[in-house]
Amino acid sequence: MTTRFFVQQKITVLTNRYEVCEPLASGENGAVMAFAEQAKMKIREKITFFRDSTKAETLFSLRAEKVLDIHGKYFVEDASGALVGGFRKDFKKSLLQSSWVLFDSNSSDLFRVEEESAALAILRRFGDQIPFVGDLIKFFPYHFSIIDVKSGAIVGRYAKVAVIRDRYSMSVNDEAWASVDSRLMMAMAVALDALQSR
């Protein structure tokens, strides 16, 4: 699999900010591909992606279908408002292990994005009831597998690559990457942090 981009989170008082960066051979962040920010304390989720931190040019955005929706359906739209694709939470599966389904602009399912470790997923949900465990769990990074819905094959991975700071890598094989709009993958990557309060 090839690393397609890194996501670096920057936390401020009023917003969560994210830089999506090209990967360098050294493993460091390269040029900024997109800059996103999410206002805190908002019921209706909306995250706007800009060319860079000046916010002079809007690239695309991510918005929730409804204010409150347990099925968590989100749409990715280009700067003009045209649908790029989206993703929805698989509520039943997510009760024990977070699971999302990515779909294209024609509403055709492309990939499932699932937490890799079922054991860690359960511990995250119920660890707060165990003394000291709840405080320690937040230091355990959890990763996601990207699975082709037709073949069932794992075609990518979204992983936390820094223990102290929030930095993630998106790796996808060539065939899967060619079949999906990169804006959809960027939006999903940021959402996995922003919407799950990782």
N, C-alpha and C. Protein backbone atom coordinates (compact mmCIF):
# COMPACT_ATOMS: atom_id res chain seq x y z
N MET A 1 0.84 -1.20 0.00
CA MET A 1 0.00 0.00 0.00
C MET A 1 0.88 1.25 0.00
N THR A 2 0.38 2.29 -0.60
CA THR A 2 1.11 3.55 -0.71
C THR A 2 0.48 4.60 0.19
N THR A 3 1.32 5.33 0.92
CA THR A 3 0.81 6.42 1.75
C THR A 3 0.39 7.56 0.83
N ARG A 4 -0.87 7.96 0.93
CA ARG A 4 -1.42 8.99 0.04
C ARG A 4 -1.36 10.38 0.65
N PHE A 5 -1.53 10.46 1.96
CA PHE A 5 -1.42 11.74 2.65
C PHE A 5 -1.33 11.53 4.16
N PHE A 6 -0.90 12.59 4.85
CA PHE A 6 -0.93 12.64 6.31
C PHE A 6 -1.97 13.65 6.74
N VAL A 7 -2.54 13.45 7.92
CA VAL A 7 -3.44 14.42 8.52
C VAL A 7 -2.85 14.83 9.86
N GLN A 8 -2.67 16.12 10.04
CA GLN A 8 -2.13 16.68 11.29
C GLN A 8 -3.19 17.55 11.94
N GLN A 9 -3.55 17.23 13.18
CA GLN A 9 -4.55 18.02 13.89
C GLN A 9 -3.88 19.11 14.73
N LYS A 10 -4.52 20.29 14.73
CA LYS A 10 -4.09 21.39 15.59
C LYS A 10 -5.30 21.87 16.37
N ILE A 11 -5.22 21.80 17.69
CA ILE A 11 -6.36 22.15 18.54
C ILE A 11 -6.24 23.59 19.01
N THR A 12 -7.33 24.36 18.85
CA THR A 12 -7.41 25.72 19.38
C THR A 12 -8.63 25.81 20.29
N VAL A 13 -8.84 26.96 20.89
CA VAL A 13 -9.94 27.13 21.84
C VAL A 13 -11.30 26.95 21.17
N LEU A 14 -11.47 27.52 19.99
CA LEU A 14 -12.78 27.53 19.34
C LEU A 14 -12.93 26.53 18.21
N THR A 15 -11.83 26.03 17.67
CA THR A 15 -11.91 25.12 16.52
C THR A 15 -10.91 23.99 16.61
N ASN A 16 -11.22 22.92 15.90
CA ASN A 16 -10.24 21.88 15.61
C ASN A 16 -9.77 22.13 14.19
N ARG A 17 -8.46 22.21 14.00
CA ARG A 17 -7.91 22.48 12.68
C ARG A 17 -7.09 21.29 12.20
N TYR A 18 -7.18 21.05 10.89
CA TYR A 18 -6.50 19.90 10.31
C TYR A 18 -5.76 20.31 9.04
N GLU A 19 -4.55 19.82 8.90
CA GLU A 19 -3.79 19.98 7.66
C GLU A 19 -3.65 18.62 7.01
N VAL A 20 -4.07 18.53 5.77
CA VAL A 20 -3.87 17.32 4.97
C VAL A 20 -2.65 17.58 4.11
N CYS A 21 -1.61 16.77 4.28
CA CYS A 21 -0.32 17.05 3.64
C CYS A 21 0.16 15.89 2.77
N GLU A 22 0.88 16.25 1.72
CA GLU A 22 1.52 15.23 0.89
C GLU A 22 2.59 14.53 1.72
N PRO A 23 2.80 13.24 1.49
CA PRO A 23 3.85 12.53 2.23
C PRO A 23 5.21 12.68 1.56
N LEU A 24 6.22 12.93 2.34
CA LEU A 24 7.58 12.96 1.82
C LEU A 24 8.22 11.58 2.03
N ALA A 25 9.25 11.28 1.27
CA ALA A 25 9.93 10.00 1.38
C ALA A 25 10.52 9.80 2.78
N SER A 26 10.82 10.91 3.45
CA SER A 26 11.39 10.86 4.80
C SER A 26 10.34 10.51 5.85
N GLY A 27 9.07 10.50 5.45
CA GLY A 27 8.00 10.24 6.41
C GLY A 27 7.45 11.50 7.04
N GLU A 28 7.98 12.65 6.64
CA GLU A 28 7.51 13.93 7.17
C GLU A 28 6.40 14.50 6.29
N ASN A 29 5.74 15.53 6.81
CA ASN A 29 4.71 16.22 6.05
C ASN A 29 5.32 17.02 4.92
N GLY A 30 4.71 16.93 3.73
CA GLY A 30 5.12 17.75 2.61
C GLY A 30 4.18 18.92 2.43
N ALA A 31 3.91 19.30 1.20
CA ALA A 31 3.05 20.44 0.90
C ALA A 31 1.63 20.19 1.40
N VAL A 32 0.98 21.27 1.82
CA VAL A 32 -0.41 21.18 2.29
C VAL A 32 -1.33 20.97 1.09
N MET A 33 -2.16 19.94 1.16
CA MET A 33 -3.12 19.65 0.12
C MET A 33 -4.47 20.29 0.43
N ALA A 34 -4.78 20.38 1.72
CA ALA A 34 -6.04 20.98 2.14
C ALA A 34 -5.94 21.36 3.62
N PHE A 35 -6.66 22.39 3.97
CA PHE A 35 -6.74 22.85 5.36
C PHE A 35 -8.21 22.84 5.77
N ALA A 36 -8.51 22.20 6.89
CA ALA A 36 -9.90 22.08 7.32
C ALA A 36 -10.06 22.59 8.73
N GLU A 37 -11.26 23.11 9.01
CA GLU A 37 -11.53 23.45 10.39
C GLU A 37 -12.97 23.17 10.75
N GLN A 38 -13.15 22.75 12.01
CA GLN A 38 -14.45 22.39 12.54
C GLN A 38 -14.69 23.24 13.78
N ALA A 39 -15.78 23.99 13.76
CA ALA A 39 -16.14 24.79 14.92
C ALA A 39 -16.61 23.87 16.04
N LYS A 40 -16.13 24.11 17.26
CA LYS A 40 -16.55 23.32 18.40
C LYS A 40 -17.94 23.75 18.86
N MET A 41 -18.58 22.87 19.60
CA MET A 41 -19.88 23.16 20.22
C MET A 41 -20.99 23.40 19.21
N LYS A 42 -20.89 22.78 18.03
CA LYS A 42 -21.95 22.89 17.04
C LYS A 42 -22.71 21.57 16.97
N ILE A 43 -24.04 21.67 16.96
CA ILE A 43 -24.85 20.46 16.88
C ILE A 43 -24.78 19.90 15.46
N ARG A 44 -25.00 20.75 14.48
CA ARG A 44 -24.96 20.30 13.08
C ARG A 44 -23.51 20.36 12.60
N GLU A 45 -23.00 19.22 12.21
CA GLU A 45 -21.61 19.15 11.80
C GLU A 45 -21.42 19.76 10.42
N LYS A 46 -20.42 20.64 10.30
CA LYS A 46 -19.99 21.10 8.99
C LYS A 46 -18.51 21.41 9.08
N ILE A 47 -17.77 20.85 8.18
CA ILE A 47 -16.33 21.06 8.12
C ILE A 47 -15.99 21.54 6.72
N THR A 48 -15.32 22.67 6.64
CA THR A 48 -14.94 23.25 5.35
C THR A 48 -13.45 23.01 5.10
N PHE A 49 -13.14 22.60 3.88
CA PHE A 49 -11.76 22.36 3.48
C PHE A 49 -11.31 23.46 2.53
N PHE A 50 -10.20 24.09 2.86
CA PHE A 50 -9.66 25.20 2.07
C PHE A 50 -8.33 24.78 1.44
N ARG A 51 -7.86 25.60 0.51
CA ARG A 51 -6.56 25.36 -0.12
C ARG A 51 -5.44 25.41 0.91
N ASP A 52 -5.53 26.37 1.84
CA ASP A 52 -4.53 26.52 2.90
C ASP A 52 -5.13 27.32 4.04
N SER A 53 -4.32 27.64 5.03
CA SER A 53 -4.81 28.30 6.24
C SER A 53 -5.28 29.74 6.03
N THR A 54 -5.01 30.32 4.87
CA THR A 54 -5.52 31.68 4.61
C THR A 54 -7.04 31.65 4.37
N LYS A 55 -7.55 30.47 4.03
CA LYS A 55 -8.98 30.25 3.76
C LYS A 55 -9.50 31.12 2.61
N ALA A 56 -8.62 31.46 1.70
CA ALA A 56 -9.00 32.29 0.55
C ALA A 56 -9.74 31.48 -0.51
N GLU A 57 -9.46 30.18 -0.58
CA GLU A 57 -10.09 29.34 -1.61
C GLU A 57 -10.69 28.09 -0.98
N THR A 58 -12.00 27.92 -1.17
CA THR A 58 -12.68 26.73 -0.67
C THR A 58 -12.52 25.60 -1.68
N LEU A 59 -12.14 24.42 -1.19
CA LEU A 59 -11.98 23.25 -2.05
C LEU A 59 -13.23 22.37 -2.04
N PHE A 60 -13.68 22.03 -0.85
CA PHE A 60 -14.87 21.20 -0.68
C PHE A 60 -15.31 21.27 0.77
N SER A 61 -16.43 20.64 1.07
CA SER A 61 -16.93 20.66 2.44
C SER A 61 -17.59 19.34 2.79
N LEU A 62 -17.75 19.14 4.08
CA LEU A 62 -18.38 17.96 4.63
C LEU A 62 -19.53 18.43 5.51
N ARG A 63 -20.72 17.86 5.32
CA ARG A 63 -21.85 18.28 6.15
C ARG A 63 -22.71 17.08 6.52
N ALA A 64 -23.34 17.19 7.69
CA ALA A 64 -24.25 16.15 8.14
C ALA A 64 -25.56 16.27 7.40
N GLU A 65 -26.19 15.12 7.11
CA GLU A 65 -27.48 15.14 6.45
C GLU A 65 -28.54 15.73 7.38
N LYS A 66 -28.48 15.36 8.67
CA LYS A 66 -29.47 15.82 9.64
C LYS A 66 -28.76 16.31 10.89
N VAL A 67 -29.46 17.11 11.69
CA VAL A 67 -28.88 17.62 12.93
C VAL A 67 -28.59 16.47 13.88
N LEU A 68 -29.56 15.62 14.10
CA LEU A 68 -29.38 14.45 14.97
C LEU A 68 -29.77 13.20 14.19
N ASP A 69 -28.80 12.32 13.98
CA ASP A 69 -29.06 11.13 13.20
C ASP A 69 -28.14 10.02 13.67
N ILE A 70 -28.71 8.98 14.30
CA ILE A 70 -27.87 7.91 14.84
C ILE A 70 -27.15 7.15 13.73
N HIS A 71 -27.68 7.25 12.52
CA HIS A 71 -27.04 6.54 11.40
C HIS A 71 -25.90 7.36 10.81
N GLY A 72 -25.76 8.62 11.23
CA GLY A 72 -24.60 9.43 10.88
C GLY A 72 -24.28 9.46 9.41
N LYS A 73 -25.13 10.07 8.60
CA LYS A 73 -24.87 10.17 7.17
C LYS A 73 -24.30 11.54 6.86
N TYR A 74 -23.21 11.57 6.11
CA TYR A 74 -22.51 12.81 5.79
C TYR A 74 -22.25 12.90 4.29
N PHE A 75 -22.34 14.11 3.78
CA PHE A 75 -22.13 14.35 2.36
C PHE A 75 -20.88 15.20 2.15
N VAL A 76 -20.11 14.85 1.13
CA VAL A 76 -18.95 15.64 0.72
C VAL A 76 -19.34 16.35 -0.57
N GLU A 77 -19.19 17.67 -0.59
CA GLU A 77 -19.60 18.48 -1.74
C GLU A 77 -18.46 19.37 -2.19
N ASP A 78 -18.37 19.60 -3.49
CA ASP A 78 -17.31 20.46 -4.00
C ASP A 78 -17.63 21.93 -3.69
N ALA A 79 -16.78 22.83 -4.14
CA ALA A 79 -16.94 24.25 -3.81
C ALA A 79 -18.24 24.85 -4.32
N SER A 80 -18.81 24.24 -5.36
CA SER A 80 -20.07 24.75 -5.92
C SER A 80 -21.29 24.08 -5.32
N GLY A 81 -21.07 23.10 -4.43
CA GLY A 81 -22.18 22.40 -3.79
C GLY A 81 -22.56 21.09 -4.45
N ALA A 82 -21.85 20.69 -5.53
CA ALA A 82 -22.14 19.42 -6.20
C ALA A 82 -21.63 18.25 -5.36
N LEU A 83 -22.40 17.17 -5.35
CA LEU A 83 -22.06 16.01 -4.53
C LEU A 83 -20.84 15.27 -5.07
N VAL A 84 -19.88 15.02 -4.20
CA VAL A 84 -18.69 14.23 -4.52
C VAL A 84 -18.90 12.78 -4.09
N GLY A 85 -19.58 12.62 -2.97
CA GLY A 85 -19.81 11.31 -2.37
C GLY A 85 -20.16 11.52 -0.91
N GLY A 86 -19.96 10.50 -0.12
CA GLY A 86 -20.24 10.64 1.31
C GLY A 86 -19.97 9.37 2.06
N PHE A 87 -20.40 9.35 3.30
CA PHE A 87 -20.24 8.16 4.12
C PHE A 87 -21.32 8.14 5.19
N ARG A 88 -21.61 6.95 5.68
CA ARG A 88 -22.62 6.79 6.72
C ARG A 88 -22.11 5.81 7.76
N LYS A 89 -22.56 6.01 8.98
CA LYS A 89 -22.17 5.12 10.06
C LYS A 89 -23.05 3.88 10.03
N ASP A 90 -22.41 2.72 10.19
CA ASP A 90 -23.15 1.48 10.34
C ASP A 90 -23.47 1.35 11.82
N PHE A 91 -24.67 1.75 12.20
CA PHE A 91 -25.01 1.89 13.61
C PHE A 91 -24.89 0.58 14.38
N LYS A 92 -25.41 -0.51 13.83
CA LYS A 92 -25.38 -1.79 14.55
C LYS A 92 -23.96 -2.26 14.79
N LYS A 93 -23.15 -2.24 13.72
CA LYS A 93 -21.76 -2.68 13.88
C LYS A 93 -20.99 -1.77 14.84
N SER A 94 -21.33 -0.47 14.81
CA SER A 94 -20.59 0.52 15.59
C SER A 94 -20.89 0.48 17.07
N LEU A 95 -21.88 -0.29 17.47
CA LEU A 95 -22.16 -0.44 18.90
C LEU A 95 -20.95 -1.02 19.62
N LEU A 96 -20.24 -1.90 18.95
CA LEU A 96 -19.05 -2.52 19.56
C LEU A 96 -17.76 -2.16 18.85
N GLN A 97 -17.85 -1.82 17.56
CA GLN A 97 -16.64 -1.57 16.77
C GLN A 97 -16.98 -0.57 15.67
N SER A 98 -16.42 0.62 15.73
CA SER A 98 -16.79 1.69 14.79
C SER A 98 -16.67 1.23 13.35
N SER A 99 -17.73 1.50 12.57
CA SER A 99 -17.77 1.06 11.19
C SER A 99 -18.51 2.09 10.34
N TRP A 100 -17.90 2.45 9.21
CA TRP A 100 -18.46 3.43 8.28
C TRP A 100 -18.48 2.85 6.88
N VAL A 101 -19.39 3.33 6.04
CA VAL A 101 -19.44 2.92 4.65
C VAL A 101 -19.31 4.15 3.76
N LEU A 102 -18.32 4.14 2.86
CA LEU A 102 -18.12 5.24 1.92
C LEU A 102 -18.90 4.95 0.64
N PHE A 103 -19.55 5.98 0.10
CA PHE A 103 -20.28 5.82 -1.16
C PHE A 103 -19.93 6.96 -2.11
N ASP A 104 -20.10 6.72 -3.41
CA ASP A 104 -19.75 7.73 -4.40
C ASP A 104 -20.93 8.65 -4.69
N SER A 105 -20.79 9.50 -5.69
CA SER A 105 -21.82 10.49 -6.01
C SER A 105 -23.10 9.86 -6.54
N ASN A 106 -23.03 8.59 -6.93
CA ASN A 106 -24.22 7.86 -7.39
C ASN A 106 -24.83 6.99 -6.28
N SER A 107 -24.34 7.19 -5.06
CA SER A 107 -24.79 6.43 -3.87
C SER A 107 -24.41 4.95 -3.94
N SER A 108 -23.40 4.62 -4.74
CA SER A 108 -22.89 3.24 -4.79
C SER A 108 -21.84 3.05 -3.71
N ASP A 109 -21.99 2.02 -2.89
CA ASP A 109 -21.04 1.76 -1.82
C ASP A 109 -19.68 1.36 -2.40
N LEU A 110 -18.63 1.94 -1.83
CA LEU A 110 -17.27 1.68 -2.29
C LEU A 110 -16.46 0.88 -1.27
N PHE A 111 -16.35 1.44 -0.07
CA PHE A 111 -15.50 0.85 0.96
C PHE A 111 -16.18 0.86 2.32
N ARG A 112 -15.79 -0.10 3.13
CA ARG A 112 -16.15 -0.09 4.55
C ARG A 112 -14.89 0.31 5.32
N VAL A 113 -15.04 1.18 6.31
CA VAL A 113 -13.92 1.63 7.13
C VAL A 113 -14.21 1.18 8.56
N GLU A 114 -13.41 0.25 9.07
CA GLU A 114 -13.69 -0.39 10.36
C GLU A 114 -12.49 -0.31 11.29
N GLU A 115 -12.77 -0.19 12.58
CA GLU A 115 -11.72 -0.28 13.58
C GLU A 115 -11.05 -1.64 13.45
N GLU A 116 -9.72 -1.65 13.53
CA GLU A 116 -8.99 -2.91 13.35
C GLU A 116 -9.14 -3.84 14.55
N SER A 117 -9.04 -3.29 15.75
CA SER A 117 -9.02 -4.12 16.95
C SER A 117 -10.36 -4.12 17.66
N ALA A 118 -11.05 -5.27 17.64
CA ALA A 118 -12.32 -5.38 18.34
C ALA A 118 -12.12 -5.27 19.85
N ALA A 119 -11.03 -5.84 20.34
CA ALA A 119 -10.76 -5.81 21.78
C ALA A 119 -10.56 -4.37 22.27
N LEU A 120 -9.78 -3.59 21.53
CA LEU A 120 -9.55 -2.20 21.91
C LEU A 120 -10.83 -1.39 21.78
N ALA A 121 -11.63 -1.69 20.79
CA ALA A 121 -12.90 -0.99 20.60
C ALA A 121 -13.82 -1.18 21.80
N ILE A 122 -13.91 -2.41 22.28
CA ILE A 122 -14.75 -2.71 23.45
C ILE A 122 -14.18 -2.05 24.69
N LEU A 123 -12.87 -2.08 24.83
CA LEU A 123 -12.22 -1.47 25.99
C LEU A 123 -12.45 0.03 26.01
N ARG A 124 -12.43 0.66 24.84
CA ARG A 124 -12.67 2.09 24.77
C ARG A 124 -14.09 2.44 25.22
N ARG A 125 -15.04 1.56 24.91
CA ARG A 125 -16.44 1.83 25.23
C ARG A 125 -16.77 1.60 26.70
N PHE A 126 -16.10 0.63 27.31
CA PHE A 126 -16.46 0.26 28.67
C PHE A 126 -15.33 0.47 29.68
N GLY A 127 -14.19 0.94 29.20
CA GLY A 127 -13.03 1.12 30.08
C GLY A 127 -13.22 2.15 31.17
N ASP A 128 -14.09 3.13 30.95
CA ASP A 128 -14.32 4.17 31.95
C ASP A 128 -14.88 3.61 33.25
N GLN A 129 -15.45 2.43 33.19
CA GLN A 129 -16.04 1.83 34.38
C GLN A 129 -15.00 1.10 35.23
N ILE A 130 -13.79 0.99 34.70
CA ILE A 130 -12.72 0.31 35.42
C ILE A 130 -11.72 1.36 35.93
N PRO A 131 -11.42 1.37 37.24
CA PRO A 131 -10.49 2.37 37.79
C PRO A 131 -9.17 2.42 37.03
N PHE A 132 -8.74 3.62 36.70
CA PHE A 132 -7.48 3.93 36.02
C PHE A 132 -7.47 3.58 34.52
N VAL A 133 -8.25 2.58 34.14
CA VAL A 133 -8.24 2.15 32.74
C VAL A 133 -8.76 3.25 31.82
N GLY A 134 -9.84 3.92 32.25
CA GLY A 134 -10.41 4.99 31.43
C GLY A 134 -9.42 6.09 31.12
N ASP A 135 -8.55 6.40 32.10
CA ASP A 135 -7.54 7.44 31.89
C ASP A 135 -6.43 6.99 30.95
N LEU A 136 -6.15 5.71 30.96
CA LEU A 136 -5.05 5.19 30.13
C LEU A 136 -5.47 4.92 28.69
N ILE A 137 -6.74 4.58 28.48
CA ILE A 137 -7.22 4.18 27.17
C ILE A 137 -6.99 5.24 26.10
N LYS A 138 -7.12 6.52 26.48
CA LYS A 138 -6.97 7.58 25.48
C LYS A 138 -5.57 7.65 24.89
N PHE A 139 -4.59 6.98 25.53
CA PHE A 139 -3.23 6.98 25.01
C PHE A 139 -2.98 5.81 24.05
N PHE A 140 -3.97 4.94 23.90
CA PHE A 140 -3.84 3.82 22.98
C PHE A 140 -4.42 4.22 21.63
N PRO A 141 -3.59 4.35 20.60
CA PRO A 141 -4.12 4.72 19.28
C PRO A 141 -4.92 3.58 18.68
N TYR A 142 -6.00 3.93 18.01
CA TYR A 142 -6.74 2.89 17.31
C TYR A 142 -6.78 3.21 15.83
N HIS A 143 -6.71 2.15 15.04
CA HIS A 143 -6.53 2.27 13.60
C HIS A 143 -7.74 1.69 12.87
N PHE A 144 -7.84 2.03 11.59
CA PHE A 144 -8.96 1.58 10.77
C PHE A 144 -8.47 0.85 9.53
N SER A 145 -9.17 -0.22 9.18
CA SER A 145 -8.93 -0.91 7.91
C SER A 145 -9.92 -0.38 6.88
N ILE A 146 -9.48 -0.27 5.64
CA ILE A 146 -10.35 0.14 4.54
C ILE A 146 -10.58 -1.10 3.70
N ILE A 147 -11.85 -1.50 3.58
CA ILE A 147 -12.22 -2.77 2.98
C ILE A 147 -13.10 -2.55 1.76
N ASP A 148 -12.75 -3.17 0.65
CA ASP A 148 -13.55 -3.10 -0.57
C ASP A 148 -14.87 -3.84 -0.33
N VAL A 149 -16.01 -3.17 -0.55
CA VAL A 149 -17.30 -3.79 -0.23
C VAL A 149 -17.63 -4.96 -1.16
N LYS A 150 -17.09 -4.96 -2.36
CA LYS A 150 -17.40 -6.04 -3.32
C LYS A 150 -16.55 -7.28 -3.06
N SER A 151 -15.26 -7.09 -2.89
CA SER A 151 -14.36 -8.23 -2.74
C SER A 151 -14.13 -8.64 -1.29
N GLY A 152 -14.34 -7.70 -0.37
CA GLY A 152 -14.06 -7.98 1.04
C GLY A 152 -12.58 -7.87 1.38
N ALA A 153 -11.77 -7.46 0.40
CA ALA A 153 -10.32 -7.35 0.61
C ALA A 153 -9.96 -6.04 1.30
N ILE A 154 -8.95 -6.10 2.14
CA ILE A 154 -8.43 -4.88 2.78
C ILE A 154 -7.58 -4.15 1.74
N VAL A 155 -7.95 -2.92 1.43
CA VAL A 155 -7.26 -2.17 0.39
C VAL A 155 -6.53 -0.94 0.93
N GLY A 156 -6.67 -0.69 2.24
CA GLY A 156 -6.02 0.48 2.81
C GLY A 156 -6.05 0.47 4.32
N ARG A 157 -5.40 1.49 4.88
CA ARG A 157 -5.32 1.59 6.34
C ARG A 157 -5.20 3.06 6.73
N TYR A 158 -5.94 3.43 7.76
CA TYR A 158 -5.83 4.77 8.33
C TYR A 158 -5.32 4.60 9.74
N ALA A 159 -4.13 5.11 10.01
CA ALA A 159 -3.46 4.82 11.27
C ALA A 159 -2.88 6.05 11.92
N LYS A 160 -2.91 6.06 13.25
CA LYS A 160 -2.25 7.12 14.00
C LYS A 160 -0.76 6.80 14.01
N VAL A 161 0.06 7.78 13.61
CA VAL A 161 1.49 7.53 13.49
C VAL A 161 2.32 8.29 14.50
N ALA A 162 1.65 9.05 15.38
CA ALA A 162 2.36 9.76 16.44
C ALA A 162 1.58 9.57 17.73
N VAL A 163 2.25 9.13 18.79
CA VAL A 163 1.58 8.84 20.05
C VAL A 163 1.17 10.10 20.78
N ILE A 164 2.04 11.10 20.81
CA ILE A 164 1.78 12.31 21.58
C ILE A 164 0.86 13.26 20.83
N ARG A 165 1.18 13.57 19.58
CA ARG A 165 0.36 14.50 18.82
C ARG A 165 -0.54 13.75 17.85
N ASP A 166 -1.63 14.37 17.47
CA ASP A 166 -2.59 13.72 16.57
C ASP A 166 -2.11 13.86 15.13
N ARG A 167 -1.48 12.80 14.64
CA ARG A 167 -0.99 12.74 13.26
C ARG A 167 -1.32 11.37 12.70
N TYR A 168 -1.93 11.36 11.53
CA TYR A 168 -2.44 10.12 10.94
C TYR A 168 -1.93 9.94 9.52
N SER A 169 -1.87 8.69 9.09
CA SER A 169 -1.49 8.41 7.71
C SER A 169 -2.62 7.66 7.02
N MET A 170 -2.87 8.00 5.76
CA MET A 170 -3.84 7.29 4.93
C MET A 170 -3.07 6.53 3.85
N SER A 171 -3.15 5.21 3.90
CA SER A 171 -2.48 4.37 2.92
C SER A 171 -3.52 3.55 2.17
N VAL A 172 -3.44 3.56 0.84
CA VAL A 172 -4.42 2.87 0.00
C VAL A 172 -3.68 2.28 -1.20
N ASN A 173 -4.08 1.08 -1.62
CA ASN A 173 -3.42 0.50 -2.78
C ASN A 173 -3.81 1.23 -4.07
N ASP A 174 -3.07 0.98 -5.13
CA ASP A 174 -3.24 1.75 -6.37
C ASP A 174 -4.62 1.59 -6.99
N GLU A 175 -5.13 0.37 -7.02
CA GLU A 175 -6.42 0.12 -7.66
C GLU A 175 -7.55 0.84 -6.92
N ALA A 176 -7.55 0.74 -5.61
CA ALA A 176 -8.60 1.39 -4.82
C ALA A 176 -8.50 2.90 -4.92
N TRP A 177 -7.27 3.42 -4.89
CA TRP A 177 -7.07 4.87 -4.95
C TRP A 177 -7.57 5.43 -6.29
N ALA A 178 -7.38 4.68 -7.36
CA ALA A 178 -7.81 5.13 -8.68
C ALA A 178 -9.33 5.14 -8.81
N SER A 179 -10.01 4.39 -7.96
CA SER A 179 -11.47 4.25 -8.07
C SER A 179 -12.25 5.24 -7.22
N VAL A 180 -11.56 6.08 -6.46
CA VAL A 180 -12.26 6.96 -5.53
C VAL A 180 -11.77 8.40 -5.68
N ASP A 181 -12.65 9.35 -5.42
CA ASP A 181 -12.27 10.76 -5.43
C ASP A 181 -11.46 11.05 -4.17
N SER A 182 -10.28 11.62 -4.34
CA SER A 182 -9.39 11.85 -3.20
C SER A 182 -10.03 12.78 -2.16
N ARG A 183 -10.93 13.66 -2.58
CA ARG A 183 -11.60 14.56 -1.63
C ARG A 183 -12.46 13.78 -0.65
N LEU A 184 -13.05 12.70 -1.12
CA LEU A 184 -13.86 11.85 -0.24
C LEU A 184 -12.98 11.19 0.82
N MET A 185 -11.80 10.75 0.42
CA MET A 185 -10.88 10.11 1.37
C MET A 185 -10.34 11.11 2.38
N MET A 186 -10.06 12.34 1.93
CA MET A 186 -9.60 13.38 2.86
C MET A 186 -10.68 13.71 3.89
N ALA A 187 -11.91 13.83 3.41
CA ALA A 187 -13.03 14.15 4.30
C ALA A 187 -13.24 13.03 5.32
N MET A 188 -13.18 11.79 4.87
CA MET A 188 -13.35 10.65 5.77
C MET A 188 -12.25 10.62 6.82
N ALA A 189 -11.02 10.90 6.39
CA ALA A 189 -9.87 10.88 7.30
C ALA A 189 -10.04 11.91 8.42
N VAL A 190 -10.42 13.11 8.06
CA VAL A 190 -10.63 14.15 9.08
C VAL A 190 -11.82 13.79 9.96
N ALA A 191 -12.87 13.26 9.36
CA ALA A 191 -14.07 12.90 10.12
C ALA A 191 -13.79 11.84 11.17
N LEU A 192 -12.89 10.91 10.88
CA LEU A 192 -12.59 9.86 11.84
C LEU A 192 -12.00 10.42 13.12
N ASP A 193 -11.41 11.58 13.05
CA ASP A 193 -10.93 12.26 14.26
C ASP A 193 -12.02 13.20 14.79
N ALA A 194 -12.52 14.06 13.96
CA ALA A 194 -13.44 15.12 14.39
C ALA A 194 -14.76 14.59 14.94
N LEU A 195 -15.35 13.61 14.26
CA LEU A 195 -16.68 13.14 14.65
C LEU A 195 -16.62 12.12 15.77
N GLN A 196 -15.48 11.50 15.98
CA GLN A 196 -15.38 10.51 17.04
C GLN A 196 -14.61 11.03 18.25
N SER A 197 -14.20 12.31 18.18
CA SER A 197 -13.48 12.94 19.30
C SER A 197 -12.29 12.10 19.73
N ARG A 198 -11.48 11.71 18.74
CA ARG A 198 -10.33 10.86 19.03
C ARG A 198 -9.25 11.63 19.75
